[in-house]
């Protein structure tokens, strides 16, 4: 076991990876990292620009490259992975090999409400969709991605989970 503790949060867009990740990082006194932000910094483009200029294929390539670099660092941290990150290029295998993965399994209606039309400006796959289309898109994404998310070492289900609950689960994982 590495002396570095890496916690990677996975789940659908809008499930709370960023918000919860910041809370957990604060509790653990670890740096908080957001994979999308790390990609933007590295390639000097915003995520919507990458999709528009280079397409999803290039984005997924850069996402895997950046994820691998982060997970191979000699450092502890909490990382919010993009919603699709675990589902491409064997990324979930890498995440599980190098970190403790946590699936934030939040009900679709809760996520749909969080992603109301007014809040999707920085989420390329939800742009120009009305509320009903956002919900359908989320159902489709869950059907495609749940297999990968369910490979996580820890699964937190519901709308409200606490950093304390996850800390307890992390301790159990580390003991095993």
N, C-alpha and C. Protein backbone atom coordinates (compact mmCIF):
# COMPACT_ATOMS: atom_id res chain seq x y z
N UNK A 1 0.85 -1.19 0.00
CA UNK A 1 0.00 0.00 0.00
C UNK A 1 0.89 1.25 0.00
N UNK A 2 0.54 2.16 -0.83
CA UNK A 2 1.29 3.41 -0.93
C UNK A 2 1.12 4.24 0.34
N UNK A 3 2.12 5.04 0.63
CA UNK A 3 1.96 5.94 1.78
C UNK A 3 1.10 7.14 1.44
N UNK A 4 0.76 7.27 0.16
CA UNK A 4 -0.06 8.37 -0.30
C UNK A 4 -1.51 7.90 -0.43
N UNK A 5 -2.42 8.65 0.13
CA UNK A 5 -3.84 8.31 0.02
C UNK A 5 -4.47 9.19 -1.05
N UNK A 6 -4.96 8.54 -2.08
CA UNK A 6 -5.66 9.24 -3.16
C UNK A 6 -7.10 8.77 -3.14
N UNK A 7 -8.03 9.71 -3.09
CA UNK A 7 -9.45 9.40 -3.12
C UNK A 7 -10.01 10.01 -4.40
N UNK A 8 -10.63 9.17 -5.23
CA UNK A 8 -11.19 9.64 -6.50
C UNK A 8 -12.71 9.46 -6.46
N UNK A 9 -13.42 10.57 -6.62
CA UNK A 9 -14.88 10.57 -6.62
C UNK A 9 -15.38 10.43 -8.05
N UNK A 10 -16.30 9.48 -8.26
CA UNK A 10 -16.89 9.26 -9.57
C UNK A 10 -18.41 9.31 -9.45
N UNK A 11 -19.06 9.56 -10.58
CA UNK A 11 -20.52 9.60 -10.63
C UNK A 11 -20.96 10.51 -11.75
N UNK A 12 -22.26 10.56 -11.95
CA UNK A 12 -22.83 11.36 -13.02
C UNK A 12 -22.53 12.85 -12.84
N UNK A 13 -22.56 13.59 -13.94
CA UNK A 13 -22.45 15.05 -13.82
C UNK A 13 -23.57 15.55 -12.90
N UNK A 14 -23.22 16.42 -11.97
CA UNK A 14 -24.22 16.99 -11.07
C UNK A 14 -24.48 16.18 -9.81
N UNK A 15 -23.75 15.08 -9.61
CA UNK A 15 -24.00 14.25 -8.41
C UNK A 15 -23.35 14.86 -7.16
N UNK A 16 -22.48 15.84 -7.33
CA UNK A 16 -21.88 16.50 -6.17
C UNK A 16 -20.41 16.19 -5.96
N UNK A 17 -19.74 15.68 -6.97
CA UNK A 17 -18.32 15.33 -6.81
C UNK A 17 -17.49 16.53 -6.39
N UNK A 18 -17.70 17.68 -7.02
CA UNK A 18 -16.90 18.86 -6.70
C UNK A 18 -17.22 19.39 -5.31
N UNK A 19 -18.49 19.54 -5.01
CA UNK A 19 -18.90 20.08 -3.70
C UNK A 19 -18.45 19.15 -2.58
N UNK A 20 -18.77 17.87 -2.72
CA UNK A 20 -18.41 16.91 -1.68
C UNK A 20 -16.90 16.72 -1.62
N UNK A 21 -16.25 16.76 -2.78
CA UNK A 21 -14.80 16.61 -2.81
C UNK A 21 -14.09 17.68 -2.01
N UNK A 22 -14.56 18.92 -2.15
CA UNK A 22 -13.96 20.01 -1.37
C UNK A 22 -14.14 19.78 0.14
N UNK A 23 -15.34 19.34 0.53
CA UNK A 23 -15.60 19.07 1.95
C UNK A 23 -14.69 17.96 2.47
N UNK A 24 -14.61 16.89 1.71
CA UNK A 24 -13.79 15.76 2.13
C UNK A 24 -12.32 16.15 2.21
N UNK A 25 -11.84 16.86 1.21
CA UNK A 25 -10.44 17.30 1.22
C UNK A 25 -10.15 18.17 2.45
N UNK A 26 -11.10 19.04 2.79
CA UNK A 26 -10.95 19.88 3.97
C UNK A 26 -10.85 19.02 5.23
N UNK A 27 -11.72 18.03 5.36
CA UNK A 27 -11.71 17.15 6.53
C UNK A 27 -10.41 16.35 6.63
N UNK A 28 -9.92 15.89 5.48
CA UNK A 28 -8.69 15.09 5.46
C UNK A 28 -7.43 15.95 5.50
N UNK A 29 -7.61 17.25 5.30
CA UNK A 29 -6.49 18.19 5.17
C UNK A 29 -5.60 17.81 3.98
N UNK A 30 -6.25 17.45 2.89
CA UNK A 30 -5.60 17.11 1.63
C UNK A 30 -5.92 18.18 0.60
N UNK A 31 -5.10 18.29 -0.42
CA UNK A 31 -5.47 19.16 -1.54
C UNK A 31 -6.70 18.59 -2.25
N UNK A 32 -7.52 19.48 -2.76
CA UNK A 32 -8.65 19.10 -3.60
C UNK A 32 -8.29 19.37 -5.05
N UNK A 33 -8.51 18.39 -5.91
CA UNK A 33 -8.25 18.55 -7.33
C UNK A 33 -9.51 18.22 -8.12
N UNK A 34 -9.71 18.94 -9.20
CA UNK A 34 -10.81 18.67 -10.12
C UNK A 34 -10.19 18.30 -11.46
N UNK A 35 -10.51 17.12 -11.97
CA UNK A 35 -9.87 16.64 -13.19
C UNK A 35 -10.10 17.58 -14.36
N UNK A 36 -11.32 18.07 -14.52
CA UNK A 36 -11.58 18.99 -15.63
C UNK A 36 -10.72 20.26 -15.52
N UNK A 37 -10.59 20.79 -14.32
CA UNK A 37 -9.78 21.99 -14.12
C UNK A 37 -8.30 21.68 -14.45
N UNK A 38 -7.84 20.51 -14.05
CA UNK A 38 -6.46 20.12 -14.33
C UNK A 38 -6.22 20.03 -15.84
N UNK A 39 -7.21 19.51 -16.57
CA UNK A 39 -7.11 19.43 -18.03
C UNK A 39 -7.07 20.84 -18.63
N UNK A 40 -7.95 21.71 -18.14
CA UNK A 40 -7.98 23.09 -18.65
C UNK A 40 -6.66 23.80 -18.42
N UNK A 41 -6.07 23.60 -17.26
CA UNK A 41 -4.79 24.23 -16.95
C UNK A 41 -3.68 23.68 -17.85
N UNK A 42 -3.65 22.38 -18.01
CA UNK A 42 -2.59 21.74 -18.77
C UNK A 42 -2.63 22.12 -20.25
N UNK A 43 -3.83 22.16 -20.82
CA UNK A 43 -3.96 22.39 -22.26
C UNK A 43 -4.40 23.81 -22.61
N UNK A 44 -4.57 24.65 -21.58
CA UNK A 44 -4.89 26.07 -21.77
C UNK A 44 -6.15 26.30 -22.62
N UNK A 45 -7.15 25.45 -22.41
CA UNK A 45 -8.45 25.58 -23.05
C UNK A 45 -9.53 25.18 -22.05
N UNK A 46 -10.66 25.83 -22.11
CA UNK A 46 -11.81 25.43 -21.30
C UNK A 46 -12.41 24.16 -21.89
N UNK A 47 -13.06 23.36 -21.05
CA UNK A 47 -13.63 22.09 -21.52
C UNK A 47 -14.56 22.29 -22.72
N UNK A 48 -15.49 23.26 -22.69
CA UNK A 48 -16.34 23.44 -23.87
C UNK A 48 -15.54 23.76 -25.14
N UNK A 49 -14.43 24.49 -24.98
CA UNK A 49 -13.57 24.81 -26.13
C UNK A 49 -12.90 23.55 -26.68
N UNK A 50 -12.45 22.68 -25.78
CA UNK A 50 -11.81 21.43 -26.22
C UNK A 50 -12.80 20.62 -27.05
N UNK A 51 -14.04 20.50 -26.54
CA UNK A 51 -15.06 19.76 -27.28
C UNK A 51 -15.32 20.40 -28.64
N UNK A 52 -15.44 21.72 -28.65
CA UNK A 52 -15.79 22.43 -29.89
C UNK A 52 -14.65 22.38 -30.92
N UNK A 53 -13.42 22.54 -30.46
CA UNK A 53 -12.27 22.63 -31.37
C UNK A 53 -11.74 21.25 -31.74
N UNK A 54 -11.61 20.38 -30.74
CA UNK A 54 -10.92 19.11 -30.95
C UNK A 54 -11.84 17.88 -30.94
N UNK A 55 -13.04 18.03 -30.37
CA UNK A 55 -13.98 16.91 -30.30
C UNK A 55 -13.79 16.08 -29.05
N UNK A 56 -14.77 15.20 -28.81
CA UNK A 56 -14.76 14.39 -27.60
C UNK A 56 -13.59 13.40 -27.59
N UNK A 57 -13.23 12.86 -28.74
CA UNK A 57 -12.13 11.88 -28.78
C UNK A 57 -10.84 12.44 -28.23
N UNK A 58 -10.47 13.64 -28.65
CA UNK A 58 -9.25 14.28 -28.16
C UNK A 58 -9.39 14.61 -26.67
N UNK A 59 -10.59 15.08 -26.29
CA UNK A 59 -10.82 15.37 -24.87
C UNK A 59 -10.57 14.12 -24.03
N UNK A 60 -11.11 12.97 -24.45
CA UNK A 60 -10.95 11.73 -23.68
C UNK A 60 -9.48 11.31 -23.63
N UNK A 61 -8.75 11.53 -24.69
CA UNK A 61 -7.32 11.22 -24.71
C UNK A 61 -6.59 12.09 -23.68
N UNK A 62 -6.87 13.39 -23.70
CA UNK A 62 -6.22 14.31 -22.75
C UNK A 62 -6.67 14.02 -21.32
N UNK A 63 -7.91 13.63 -21.15
CA UNK A 63 -8.44 13.30 -19.83
C UNK A 63 -7.68 12.11 -19.25
N UNK A 64 -7.48 11.07 -20.05
CA UNK A 64 -6.75 9.88 -19.59
C UNK A 64 -5.30 10.22 -19.26
N UNK A 65 -4.68 11.00 -20.11
CA UNK A 65 -3.29 11.41 -19.89
C UNK A 65 -3.16 12.18 -18.57
N UNK A 66 -4.05 13.13 -18.35
CA UNK A 66 -4.00 13.96 -17.15
C UNK A 66 -4.31 13.13 -15.90
N UNK A 67 -5.32 12.26 -16.00
CA UNK A 67 -5.66 11.38 -14.88
C UNK A 67 -4.48 10.51 -14.48
N UNK A 68 -3.83 9.91 -15.47
CA UNK A 68 -2.69 9.05 -15.20
C UNK A 68 -1.56 9.82 -14.51
N UNK A 69 -1.27 11.01 -15.01
CA UNK A 69 -0.23 11.83 -14.39
C UNK A 69 -0.56 12.14 -12.94
N UNK A 70 -1.80 12.48 -12.66
CA UNK A 70 -2.21 12.80 -11.29
C UNK A 70 -2.08 11.58 -10.39
N UNK A 71 -2.58 10.44 -10.86
CA UNK A 71 -2.58 9.24 -10.02
C UNK A 71 -1.19 8.67 -9.79
N UNK A 72 -0.25 9.04 -10.62
CA UNK A 72 1.13 8.58 -10.43
C UNK A 72 1.97 9.56 -9.60
N UNK A 73 1.37 10.64 -9.14
CA UNK A 73 2.10 11.60 -8.29
C UNK A 73 2.35 11.00 -6.91
N UNK A 74 3.45 11.42 -6.31
CA UNK A 74 3.72 11.07 -4.92
C UNK A 74 3.07 12.13 -4.05
N UNK A 75 1.77 11.99 -3.85
CA UNK A 75 1.01 12.96 -3.07
C UNK A 75 -0.34 12.36 -2.71
N UNK A 76 -0.88 12.84 -1.61
CA UNK A 76 -2.25 12.50 -1.23
C UNK A 76 -3.16 13.61 -1.71
N UNK A 77 -4.38 13.26 -2.11
CA UNK A 77 -5.34 14.26 -2.54
C UNK A 77 -6.72 13.65 -2.69
N UNK A 78 -7.71 14.52 -2.85
CA UNK A 78 -9.06 14.13 -3.22
C UNK A 78 -9.28 14.68 -4.62
N UNK A 79 -9.71 13.81 -5.54
CA UNK A 79 -9.90 14.18 -6.93
C UNK A 79 -11.34 13.95 -7.34
N UNK A 80 -11.96 14.99 -7.89
CA UNK A 80 -13.28 14.84 -8.52
C UNK A 80 -13.02 14.54 -9.98
N UNK A 81 -13.35 13.31 -10.40
CA UNK A 81 -13.18 12.92 -11.80
C UNK A 81 -14.38 13.41 -12.60
N UNK A 82 -14.17 13.68 -13.86
CA UNK A 82 -15.30 14.01 -14.72
C UNK A 82 -16.26 12.83 -14.78
N UNK A 83 -17.52 13.09 -15.07
CA UNK A 83 -18.53 12.03 -15.08
C UNK A 83 -18.21 10.88 -16.01
N UNK A 84 -17.55 11.16 -17.14
CA UNK A 84 -17.23 10.11 -18.09
C UNK A 84 -15.84 9.51 -17.91
N UNK A 85 -15.02 10.13 -17.09
CA UNK A 85 -13.63 9.70 -16.96
C UNK A 85 -13.45 8.21 -16.67
N UNK A 86 -14.25 7.62 -15.77
CA UNK A 86 -14.04 6.19 -15.47
C UNK A 86 -14.41 5.25 -16.63
N UNK A 87 -15.11 5.76 -17.62
CA UNK A 87 -15.73 4.92 -18.64
C UNK A 87 -14.93 4.78 -19.92
N UNK A 88 -13.77 5.38 -19.99
CA UNK A 88 -12.98 5.37 -21.22
C UNK A 88 -11.55 4.93 -20.93
N UNK A 89 -10.93 4.27 -21.92
CA UNK A 89 -9.49 3.98 -21.91
C UNK A 89 -9.01 3.24 -20.66
N UNK A 90 -9.83 2.35 -20.13
CA UNK A 90 -9.47 1.59 -18.92
C UNK A 90 -9.18 2.48 -17.72
N UNK A 91 -9.76 3.67 -17.70
CA UNK A 91 -9.50 4.61 -16.60
C UNK A 91 -9.98 4.07 -15.26
N UNK A 92 -11.09 3.32 -15.22
CA UNK A 92 -11.59 2.82 -13.94
C UNK A 92 -10.60 1.83 -13.34
N UNK A 93 -9.98 1.02 -14.19
CA UNK A 93 -8.96 0.09 -13.69
C UNK A 93 -7.80 0.88 -13.07
N UNK A 94 -7.36 1.93 -13.74
CA UNK A 94 -6.27 2.76 -13.22
C UNK A 94 -6.67 3.43 -11.91
N UNK A 95 -7.89 3.96 -11.87
CA UNK A 95 -8.38 4.61 -10.66
C UNK A 95 -8.37 3.63 -9.49
N UNK A 96 -8.86 2.42 -9.71
CA UNK A 96 -8.91 1.43 -8.63
C UNK A 96 -7.53 0.92 -8.24
N UNK A 97 -6.62 0.91 -9.18
CA UNK A 97 -5.26 0.46 -8.89
C UNK A 97 -4.52 1.48 -8.03
N UNK A 98 -4.72 2.77 -8.31
CA UNK A 98 -3.91 3.82 -7.70
C UNK A 98 -4.61 4.63 -6.62
N UNK A 99 -5.90 4.33 -6.35
CA UNK A 99 -6.63 5.16 -5.39
C UNK A 99 -7.76 4.37 -4.75
N UNK A 100 -8.44 5.04 -3.85
CA UNK A 100 -9.71 4.53 -3.34
C UNK A 100 -10.80 5.27 -4.10
N UNK A 101 -11.55 4.52 -4.87
CA UNK A 101 -12.62 5.11 -5.69
C UNK A 101 -13.92 5.15 -4.89
N UNK A 102 -14.66 6.23 -5.08
CA UNK A 102 -15.93 6.42 -4.37
C UNK A 102 -16.98 6.83 -5.38
N UNK A 103 -18.04 6.03 -5.49
CA UNK A 103 -19.16 6.33 -6.38
C UNK A 103 -20.23 7.08 -5.60
N UNK A 104 -20.52 8.30 -6.02
CA UNK A 104 -21.59 9.09 -5.42
C UNK A 104 -22.86 8.80 -6.23
N UNK A 105 -23.68 7.93 -5.69
CA UNK A 105 -24.89 7.45 -6.36
C UNK A 105 -26.08 8.27 -5.87
N UNK A 106 -26.38 9.32 -6.60
CA UNK A 106 -27.44 10.26 -6.23
C UNK A 106 -28.64 10.02 -7.14
N UNK A 107 -29.88 10.09 -6.61
CA UNK A 107 -31.06 9.87 -7.44
C UNK A 107 -31.11 10.82 -8.65
N UNK A 108 -31.57 10.28 -9.78
CA UNK A 108 -31.60 11.05 -11.03
C UNK A 108 -32.43 12.32 -10.91
N UNK A 109 -33.55 12.27 -10.19
CA UNK A 109 -34.37 13.48 -10.09
C UNK A 109 -33.64 14.59 -9.33
N UNK A 110 -32.83 14.21 -8.36
CA UNK A 110 -32.03 15.20 -7.62
C UNK A 110 -30.98 15.82 -8.54
N UNK A 111 -30.31 14.98 -9.31
CA UNK A 111 -29.29 15.50 -10.24
C UNK A 111 -29.93 16.38 -11.29
N UNK A 112 -31.05 15.94 -11.83
CA UNK A 112 -31.75 16.71 -12.86
C UNK A 112 -32.11 18.10 -12.34
N UNK A 113 -32.56 18.16 -11.11
CA UNK A 113 -32.90 19.45 -10.51
C UNK A 113 -31.66 20.32 -10.34
N UNK A 114 -30.56 19.70 -9.96
CA UNK A 114 -29.29 20.45 -9.82
C UNK A 114 -28.82 21.01 -11.15
N UNK A 115 -29.12 20.29 -12.23
CA UNK A 115 -28.66 20.69 -13.56
C UNK A 115 -29.70 21.50 -14.32
N UNK A 116 -30.60 22.13 -13.58
CA UNK A 116 -31.61 22.96 -14.26
C UNK A 116 -30.98 23.73 -15.40
N UNK A 117 -31.75 23.99 -16.41
CA UNK A 117 -31.27 24.61 -17.64
C UNK A 117 -30.32 25.78 -17.39
N UNK A 118 -30.58 26.58 -16.39
CA UNK A 118 -29.77 27.77 -16.14
C UNK A 118 -28.36 27.44 -15.65
N UNK A 119 -28.11 26.20 -15.25
CA UNK A 119 -26.82 25.85 -14.64
C UNK A 119 -25.93 25.00 -15.53
N UNK A 120 -26.24 24.88 -16.81
CA UNK A 120 -25.48 23.96 -17.67
C UNK A 120 -24.48 24.66 -18.57
N UNK A 121 -24.22 25.94 -18.36
CA UNK A 121 -23.35 26.70 -19.27
C UNK A 121 -21.95 26.10 -19.42
N UNK A 122 -21.44 25.42 -18.39
CA UNK A 122 -20.09 24.85 -18.47
C UNK A 122 -20.13 23.33 -18.60
N UNK A 123 -21.27 22.81 -19.06
CA UNK A 123 -21.43 21.37 -19.23
C UNK A 123 -21.86 21.12 -20.68
N UNK A 124 -20.90 20.90 -21.56
CA UNK A 124 -21.18 20.83 -23.00
C UNK A 124 -22.28 19.85 -23.39
N UNK A 125 -22.35 18.72 -22.72
CA UNK A 125 -23.33 17.72 -23.16
C UNK A 125 -24.77 18.08 -22.80
N UNK A 126 -24.96 19.11 -21.98
CA UNK A 126 -26.32 19.50 -21.59
C UNK A 126 -26.75 20.83 -22.20
N UNK A 127 -25.85 21.48 -22.93
CA UNK A 127 -26.18 22.76 -23.55
C UNK A 127 -27.33 22.58 -24.53
N UNK A 128 -28.20 23.55 -24.58
CA UNK A 128 -29.33 23.58 -25.52
C UNK A 128 -30.37 22.48 -25.27
N UNK A 129 -30.36 21.87 -24.09
CA UNK A 129 -31.38 20.87 -23.75
C UNK A 129 -32.36 21.49 -22.76
N UNK A 130 -33.64 21.16 -22.92
CA UNK A 130 -34.61 21.61 -21.92
C UNK A 130 -34.60 20.62 -20.75
N UNK A 131 -35.37 20.91 -19.70
CA UNK A 131 -35.32 20.11 -18.48
C UNK A 131 -35.64 18.63 -18.75
N UNK A 132 -36.64 18.36 -19.57
CA UNK A 132 -37.00 16.98 -19.88
C UNK A 132 -35.88 16.26 -20.62
N UNK A 133 -35.24 16.97 -21.53
CA UNK A 133 -34.13 16.38 -22.29
C UNK A 133 -32.91 16.14 -21.39
N UNK A 134 -32.71 17.01 -20.41
CA UNK A 134 -31.62 16.81 -19.45
C UNK A 134 -31.86 15.52 -18.67
N UNK A 135 -33.09 15.31 -18.22
CA UNK A 135 -33.42 14.10 -17.47
C UNK A 135 -33.21 12.86 -18.34
N UNK A 136 -33.66 12.90 -19.59
CA UNK A 136 -33.46 11.76 -20.49
C UNK A 136 -31.98 11.50 -20.74
N UNK A 137 -31.21 12.55 -20.90
CA UNK A 137 -29.77 12.42 -21.11
C UNK A 137 -29.11 11.76 -19.89
N UNK A 138 -29.53 12.18 -18.70
CA UNK A 138 -28.98 11.58 -17.47
C UNK A 138 -29.31 10.09 -17.39
N UNK A 139 -30.54 9.72 -17.74
CA UNK A 139 -30.93 8.30 -17.73
C UNK A 139 -30.07 7.51 -18.70
N UNK A 140 -29.84 8.06 -19.87
CA UNK A 140 -29.01 7.41 -20.87
C UNK A 140 -27.57 7.26 -20.38
N UNK A 141 -27.03 8.33 -19.80
CA UNK A 141 -25.66 8.29 -19.28
C UNK A 141 -25.53 7.24 -18.17
N UNK A 142 -26.53 7.19 -17.29
CA UNK A 142 -26.47 6.22 -16.19
C UNK A 142 -26.47 4.80 -16.75
N UNK A 143 -27.30 4.54 -17.75
CA UNK A 143 -27.35 3.21 -18.36
C UNK A 143 -25.99 2.83 -18.95
N UNK A 144 -25.31 3.79 -19.56
CA UNK A 144 -24.01 3.54 -20.18
C UNK A 144 -22.88 3.43 -19.15
N UNK A 145 -22.98 4.18 -18.07
CA UNK A 145 -21.83 4.36 -17.17
C UNK A 145 -21.91 3.60 -15.85
N UNK A 146 -23.10 3.19 -15.46
CA UNK A 146 -23.26 2.61 -14.13
C UNK A 146 -22.36 1.39 -13.92
N UNK A 147 -22.15 0.61 -14.96
CA UNK A 147 -21.27 -0.56 -14.87
C UNK A 147 -19.87 -0.15 -14.38
N UNK A 148 -19.37 0.96 -14.88
CA UNK A 148 -18.05 1.44 -14.47
C UNK A 148 -18.09 2.01 -13.05
N UNK A 149 -19.10 2.84 -12.78
CA UNK A 149 -19.22 3.44 -11.45
C UNK A 149 -19.31 2.36 -10.37
N UNK A 150 -20.05 1.28 -10.66
CA UNK A 150 -20.25 0.22 -9.67
C UNK A 150 -18.98 -0.57 -9.37
N UNK A 151 -17.93 -0.35 -10.12
CA UNK A 151 -16.65 -1.00 -9.82
C UNK A 151 -15.90 -0.26 -8.70
N UNK A 152 -16.45 0.85 -8.25
CA UNK A 152 -15.80 1.63 -7.19
C UNK A 152 -15.68 0.83 -5.90
N UNK A 153 -14.67 1.14 -5.14
CA UNK A 153 -14.42 0.45 -3.89
C UNK A 153 -15.44 0.82 -2.82
N UNK A 154 -15.95 2.05 -2.90
CA UNK A 154 -16.96 2.53 -1.94
C UNK A 154 -18.11 3.13 -2.74
N UNK A 155 -19.34 2.85 -2.31
CA UNK A 155 -20.52 3.43 -2.96
C UNK A 155 -21.34 4.13 -1.89
N UNK A 156 -21.56 5.43 -2.09
CA UNK A 156 -22.42 6.20 -1.20
C UNK A 156 -23.70 6.51 -1.97
N UNK A 157 -24.84 6.07 -1.44
CA UNK A 157 -26.11 6.27 -2.13
C UNK A 157 -27.00 7.23 -1.36
N UNK A 158 -27.81 7.98 -2.12
CA UNK A 158 -28.76 8.91 -1.52
C UNK A 158 -28.43 10.34 -1.90
N UNK A 159 -29.11 11.26 -1.24
CA UNK A 159 -28.91 12.67 -1.53
C UNK A 159 -27.94 13.32 -0.56
N UNK A 160 -27.92 12.82 0.65
CA UNK A 160 -27.11 13.44 1.69
C UNK A 160 -26.13 12.42 2.25
N UNK A 161 -24.86 12.64 1.99
CA UNK A 161 -23.84 11.86 2.65
C UNK A 161 -22.85 12.85 3.23
N UNK A 162 -22.18 12.43 4.26
CA UNK A 162 -21.29 13.35 4.95
C UNK A 162 -19.85 12.93 4.76
N UNK A 163 -18.98 13.89 4.94
CA UNK A 163 -17.56 13.59 4.91
C UNK A 163 -17.22 12.60 6.02
N UNK A 164 -17.91 12.70 7.14
CA UNK A 164 -17.65 11.80 8.26
C UNK A 164 -17.97 10.35 7.88
N UNK A 165 -19.10 10.15 7.20
CA UNK A 165 -19.48 8.81 6.76
C UNK A 165 -18.42 8.25 5.81
N UNK A 166 -17.97 9.05 4.89
CA UNK A 166 -16.97 8.58 3.95
C UNK A 166 -15.64 8.33 4.66
N UNK A 167 -15.29 9.14 5.63
CA UNK A 167 -14.05 8.92 6.39
C UNK A 167 -14.12 7.54 7.07
N UNK A 168 -15.26 7.21 7.64
CA UNK A 168 -15.44 5.89 8.26
C UNK A 168 -15.23 4.79 7.23
N UNK A 169 -15.83 4.95 6.04
CA UNK A 169 -15.69 3.96 4.97
C UNK A 169 -14.23 3.87 4.49
N UNK A 170 -13.56 5.01 4.41
CA UNK A 170 -12.15 5.02 4.01
C UNK A 170 -11.29 4.25 5.00
N UNK A 171 -11.54 4.45 6.27
CA UNK A 171 -10.78 3.74 7.32
C UNK A 171 -10.98 2.24 7.16
N UNK A 172 -12.22 1.82 6.93
CA UNK A 172 -12.48 0.39 6.70
C UNK A 172 -11.74 -0.13 5.48
N UNK A 173 -11.72 0.65 4.39
CA UNK A 173 -10.99 0.24 3.20
C UNK A 173 -9.49 0.09 3.48
N UNK A 174 -8.95 1.03 4.21
CA UNK A 174 -7.52 1.01 4.50
C UNK A 174 -7.15 -0.17 5.40
N UNK A 175 -8.05 -0.55 6.31
CA UNK A 175 -7.80 -1.70 7.17
C UNK A 175 -7.79 -3.00 6.38
N UNK A 176 -8.59 -3.03 5.32
CA UNK A 176 -8.67 -4.25 4.49
C UNK A 176 -7.60 -4.14 3.47
